[in-house]
């Protein structure tokens, strides 16, 4: 397939493949609204996560306010039902720069990678909502799956290990997203197939950016920590899960 080269490092990084049981459920037309709604929120949460990392670890005081303003229209749109899709279109190109605080030795590298990630995730958010609107799928809320919360619950609570662990978790979330888009693409209609394939390049880069930042900030071998989170992530993917979502585990099907 045309995107196989992108997926090689992603699949090598992940400790397991997505179970066929998840793909069978995700490919059912009746589950498409759940997949799209969860995907929509995942894009916003990815941007929020990157924004919070920048505000805590890298951005100067003025830039921290800028970051809040970048996300506000999207958060208002989802959580407070304010604004419109047309208004969000004007927000996609983030023009103001983010300045690193003087005492952050890795600040500029974090900014460069996370600002690009935020821009892309917000653009993807817009694209998903546009698809939902065209198909008459309303966003009427959706609860978060266990996936990211459980991964992050294993983060060490002292620095710099906290940041390193969060970056490793980010790498796994992006890698799993990339793998699932590729798996699902052949089983959906052409519009969604082309959309999912278009996401693979950015998702694969997000995974590698997160991992590279974790290695850079650690300044040491982090393979043991990566393997630790890989085992947790694989457990979440392979074990039974009665809450079907984009990042859920092996579906529990009730007959």
Protein backbone atom coordinates (compact mmCIF):
# COMPACT_ATOMS: atom_id res chain seq x y z
CA UNK A 1 0.00 0.00 0.00
CA UNK A 2 1.09 3.59 -0.63
CA UNK A 3 1.51 4.34 3.07
CA UNK A 4 3.34 1.17 4.17
CA UNK A 5 6.66 2.99 4.64
CA UNK A 6 5.04 5.40 7.09
CA UNK A 7 3.63 2.53 9.12
CA UNK A 8 6.81 0.49 9.55
CA UNK A 9 8.20 2.53 12.49
CA UNK A 10 4.71 2.91 13.96
CA UNK A 11 4.10 -0.85 14.00
CA UNK A 12 7.60 -1.53 15.32
CA UNK A 13 6.94 0.90 18.18
CA UNK A 14 3.58 -0.53 19.21
CA UNK A 15 3.76 -3.76 21.20
CA UNK A 16 0.63 -5.22 19.60
CA UNK A 17 -1.60 -4.80 16.61
CA UNK A 18 -5.21 -3.72 16.95
CA UNK A 19 -7.38 -6.85 17.41
CA UNK A 20 -9.50 -7.81 14.43
CA UNK A 21 -12.52 -7.68 16.76
CA UNK A 22 -12.10 -3.91 17.07
CA UNK A 23 -11.85 -3.51 13.30
CA UNK A 24 -14.98 -5.62 12.77
CA UNK A 25 -16.95 -3.29 15.06
CA UNK A 26 -15.40 -0.09 13.70
CA UNK A 27 -16.27 -1.09 10.12
CA UNK A 28 -19.99 -1.41 10.88
CA UNK A 29 -21.92 1.54 9.38
CA UNK A 30 -24.00 1.88 12.55
CA UNK A 31 -20.82 2.57 14.55
CA UNK A 32 -19.60 5.37 12.28
CA UNK A 33 -21.21 8.17 14.37
CA UNK A 34 -19.33 6.97 17.47
CA UNK A 35 -16.05 6.72 15.56
CA UNK A 36 -16.43 10.24 14.12
CA UNK A 37 -17.56 11.86 17.38
CA UNK A 38 -14.75 10.25 19.33
CA UNK A 39 -12.27 11.17 16.60
CA UNK A 40 -13.46 14.77 16.78
CA UNK A 41 -12.89 14.98 20.52
CA UNK A 42 -9.55 13.18 20.23
CA UNK A 43 -8.32 15.88 17.84
CA UNK A 44 -9.32 18.62 20.28
CA UNK A 45 -7.80 16.79 23.25
CA UNK A 46 -4.55 16.28 21.34
CA UNK A 47 -4.36 20.03 20.73
CA UNK A 48 -5.22 20.73 24.38
CA UNK A 49 -2.53 18.33 25.58
CA UNK A 50 0.12 20.00 23.43
CA UNK A 51 -1.07 23.42 24.58
CA UNK A 52 -0.81 22.44 28.26
CA UNK A 53 2.71 21.09 27.74
CA UNK A 54 3.76 24.37 26.15
CA UNK A 55 2.13 26.48 28.86
CA UNK A 56 3.76 24.50 31.67
CA UNK A 57 7.19 23.78 30.27
CA UNK A 58 8.14 26.14 27.47
CA UNK A 59 6.09 29.29 26.79
CA UNK A 60 6.74 32.69 28.30
CA UNK A 61 3.97 34.55 30.14
CA UNK A 62 2.51 36.36 27.12
CA UNK A 63 2.61 33.22 24.99
CA UNK A 64 0.71 31.23 27.62
CA UNK A 65 -2.24 33.59 27.11
CA UNK A 66 -1.88 33.31 23.33
CA UNK A 67 -2.14 29.53 23.59
CA UNK A 68 -5.35 29.78 25.60
CA UNK A 69 -6.86 32.03 22.95
CA UNK A 70 -5.92 29.61 20.16
CA UNK A 71 -7.98 26.86 21.74
CA UNK A 72 -10.88 28.96 23.09
CA UNK A 73 -13.07 29.04 19.92
CA UNK A 74 -12.90 25.25 19.61
CA UNK A 75 -13.61 24.70 23.29
CA UNK A 76 -16.50 27.18 23.12
CA UNK A 77 -17.84 25.38 20.06
CA UNK A 78 -17.78 21.93 21.69
CA UNK A 79 -18.38 22.58 25.38
CA UNK A 80 -20.57 25.69 25.28
CA UNK A 81 -22.22 25.32 21.85
CA UNK A 82 -21.00 28.78 20.81
CA UNK A 83 -19.84 29.79 17.34
CA UNK A 84 -20.13 28.00 14.02
CA UNK A 85 -18.09 25.86 11.65
CA UNK A 86 -17.60 28.88 9.39
CA UNK A 87 -16.12 30.87 12.28
CA UNK A 88 -13.75 28.03 13.12
CA UNK A 89 -12.42 28.09 9.56
CA UNK A 90 -10.96 31.51 10.27
CA UNK A 91 -9.16 30.17 13.33
CA UNK A 92 -7.22 27.38 11.63
CA UNK A 93 -4.20 29.49 10.68
CA UNK A 94 -2.57 30.43 13.96
CA UNK A 95 -0.58 33.55 13.24
CA UNK A 96 0.86 34.69 16.56
CA UNK A 97 4.21 33.25 17.59
CA UNK A 98 4.98 31.44 20.82
CA UNK A 99 8.09 32.60 22.66
CA UNK A 100 10.16 30.33 24.87
CA UNK A 101 10.78 31.36 28.46
CA UNK A 102 14.46 32.00 29.12
CA UNK A 103 15.03 29.17 31.60
CA UNK A 104 13.69 26.34 29.41
CA UNK A 105 16.75 24.66 27.80
CA UNK A 106 14.58 22.53 25.51
CA UNK A 107 11.84 25.13 25.17
CA UNK A 108 12.27 26.05 21.51
CA UNK A 109 12.31 22.44 20.33
CA UNK A 110 9.15 21.76 22.33
CA UNK A 111 7.53 24.88 20.88
CA UNK A 112 8.49 24.09 17.27
CA UNK A 113 7.02 20.59 17.39
CA UNK A 114 3.98 21.26 19.55
CA UNK A 115 2.85 24.40 17.70
CA UNK A 116 2.85 22.45 14.43
CA UNK A 117 0.95 19.64 16.15
CA UNK A 118 -1.66 22.06 17.52
CA UNK A 119 -2.19 23.62 14.09
CA UNK A 120 -2.65 20.23 12.47
CA UNK A 121 -4.93 18.81 15.16
CA UNK A 122 -7.22 21.84 15.02
CA UNK A 123 -7.36 21.58 11.24
CA UNK A 124 -8.25 17.90 11.57
CA UNK A 125 -10.93 18.81 14.12
CA UNK A 126 -12.47 21.14 11.55
CA UNK A 127 -12.28 18.46 8.84
CA UNK A 128 -13.96 15.82 11.02
CA UNK A 129 -16.75 18.18 12.01
CA UNK A 130 -17.25 19.14 8.38
CA UNK A 131 -17.66 15.44 7.50
CA UNK A 132 -20.09 14.94 10.38
CA UNK A 133 -22.17 17.95 9.37
CA UNK A 134 -22.36 16.80 5.74
CA UNK A 135 -23.61 13.39 6.91
CA UNK A 136 -26.14 14.77 9.37
CA UNK A 137 -24.26 13.43 12.42
CA UNK A 138 -24.70 15.88 15.31
CA UNK A 139 -22.15 16.23 18.06
CA UNK A 140 -24.29 15.53 21.10
CA UNK A 141 -21.48 14.71 23.49
CA UNK A 142 -19.45 11.59 24.12
CA UNK A 143 -17.70 10.25 27.20
CA UNK A 144 -13.95 9.73 27.14
CA UNK A 145 -12.68 6.16 26.88
CA UNK A 146 -10.42 4.59 29.49
CA UNK A 147 -7.40 4.71 27.16
CA UNK A 148 -5.55 8.02 27.66
CA UNK A 149 -6.60 8.43 31.29
CA UNK A 150 -5.25 5.00 32.20
CA UNK A 151 -1.99 5.56 30.33
CA UNK A 152 -1.41 8.90 32.05
CA UNK A 153 -2.23 7.47 35.47
CA UNK A 154 1.17 5.73 35.34
CA UNK A 155 3.15 8.95 34.81
CA UNK A 156 5.83 9.62 37.46
CA UNK A 157 5.00 12.69 39.56
CA UNK A 158 8.41 14.39 39.73
CA UNK A 159 10.29 16.27 37.05
CA UNK A 160 11.79 15.85 34.55
CA UNK A 161 10.37 12.33 34.55
CA UNK A 162 6.80 13.68 34.52
CA UNK A 163 7.38 15.48 31.24
CA UNK A 164 9.31 12.55 29.75
CA UNK A 165 6.51 10.12 30.64
CA UNK A 166 3.85 12.44 29.22
CA UNK A 167 5.77 12.67 25.96
CA UNK A 168 6.07 8.88 25.78
CA UNK A 169 2.32 8.58 26.36
CA UNK A 170 1.76 11.11 23.59
CA UNK A 171 3.89 9.00 21.26
CA UNK A 172 1.78 5.90 21.96
CA UNK A 173 -1.52 7.73 21.49
CA UNK A 174 -0.42 9.17 18.14
CA UNK A 175 1.09 5.86 16.98
CA UNK A 176 -2.10 3.96 17.82
CA UNK A 177 -4.19 6.56 16.00
CA UNK A 178 -1.99 6.20 12.93
CA UNK A 179 -2.26 2.40 13.00
CA UNK A 180 -6.05 2.46 13.36
CA UNK A 181 -6.62 4.98 10.58
CA UNK A 182 -4.60 2.72 8.28
CA UNK A 183 -6.52 -0.39 9.36
CA UNK A 184 -9.92 1.23 9.00
CA UNK A 185 -9.32 3.01 5.69
CA UNK A 186 -10.03 0.01 3.40
CA UNK A 187 -13.37 -0.65 5.10
CA UNK A 188 -15.03 2.76 4.79
CA UNK A 189 -16.39 4.77 1.86
CA UNK A 190 -14.01 6.59 -0.47
CA UNK A 191 -14.38 10.00 1.20
CA UNK A 192 -13.45 8.63 4.62
CA UNK A 193 -10.78 6.36 3.17
CA UNK A 194 -9.03 9.29 1.50
CA UNK A 195 -9.39 11.39 4.66
CA UNK A 196 -7.92 8.71 6.93
CA UNK A 197 -5.02 8.12 4.55
CA UNK A 198 -4.36 11.87 4.45
CA UNK A 199 -3.97 11.84 8.25
CA UNK A 200 -1.31 9.16 8.35
CA UNK A 201 1.69 11.34 7.55
CA UNK A 202 0.96 13.88 10.29
CA UNK A 203 0.03 11.20 12.84
CA UNK A 204 3.27 9.30 12.14
CA UNK A 205 5.29 12.51 12.52
CA UNK A 206 3.49 13.40 15.76
CA UNK A 207 4.47 10.01 17.17
CA UNK A 208 8.13 10.44 16.20
CA UNK A 209 8.21 14.06 17.45
CA UNK A 210 6.90 13.06 20.86
CA UNK A 211 9.43 10.25 21.13
CA UNK A 212 12.34 12.41 19.96
CA UNK A 213 11.48 15.09 22.52
CA UNK A 214 11.29 12.49 25.30
CA UNK A 215 14.75 11.18 24.35
CA UNK A 216 16.21 14.67 24.06
CA UNK A 217 14.89 15.90 27.40
CA UNK A 218 15.86 12.70 29.21
CA UNK A 219 19.41 12.83 27.90
CA UNK A 220 19.70 9.11 28.56
CA UNK A 221 18.41 5.76 27.35
CA UNK A 222 14.62 5.68 27.82
CA UNK A 223 13.97 2.30 26.23
CA UNK A 224 12.97 0.76 29.55
CA UNK A 225 10.38 3.47 30.18
CA UNK A 226 9.10 3.25 26.61
CA UNK A 227 8.70 -0.51 26.99
CA UNK A 228 6.89 0.00 30.32
CA UNK A 229 4.25 2.23 28.74
CA UNK A 230 4.13 -0.01 25.68
CA UNK A 231 3.08 -2.92 27.86
CA UNK A 232 0.34 -0.84 29.50
CA UNK A 233 -0.86 0.44 26.12
CA UNK A 234 -0.96 -3.05 24.64
CA UNK A 235 -2.97 -4.25 27.63
CA UNK A 236 -5.55 -1.53 27.06
CA UNK A 237 -5.81 -2.46 23.39
CA UNK A 238 -6.02 -6.24 23.85
CA UNK A 239 -8.19 -6.63 26.94
CA UNK A 240 -12.02 -6.66 26.87
CA UNK A 241 -13.65 -3.23 26.79
CA UNK A 242 -17.41 -2.68 26.90
CA UNK A 243 -17.09 0.98 25.89
CA UNK A 244 -16.54 1.02 22.12
CA UNK A 245 -14.52 4.05 20.99
CA UNK A 246 -11.73 4.93 18.57
CA UNK A 247 -9.04 3.99 21.14
CA UNK A 248 -10.99 1.28 22.97
CA UNK A 249 -9.82 -2.24 23.68
CA UNK A 250 -11.22 -5.52 22.43
CA UNK A 251 -14.99 -4.97 22.12
CA UNK A 252 -17.37 -6.89 24.30
CA UNK A 253 -20.17 -7.84 21.89
CA UNK A 254 -23.50 -8.67 23.48
CA UNK A 255 -25.72 -10.98 21.41
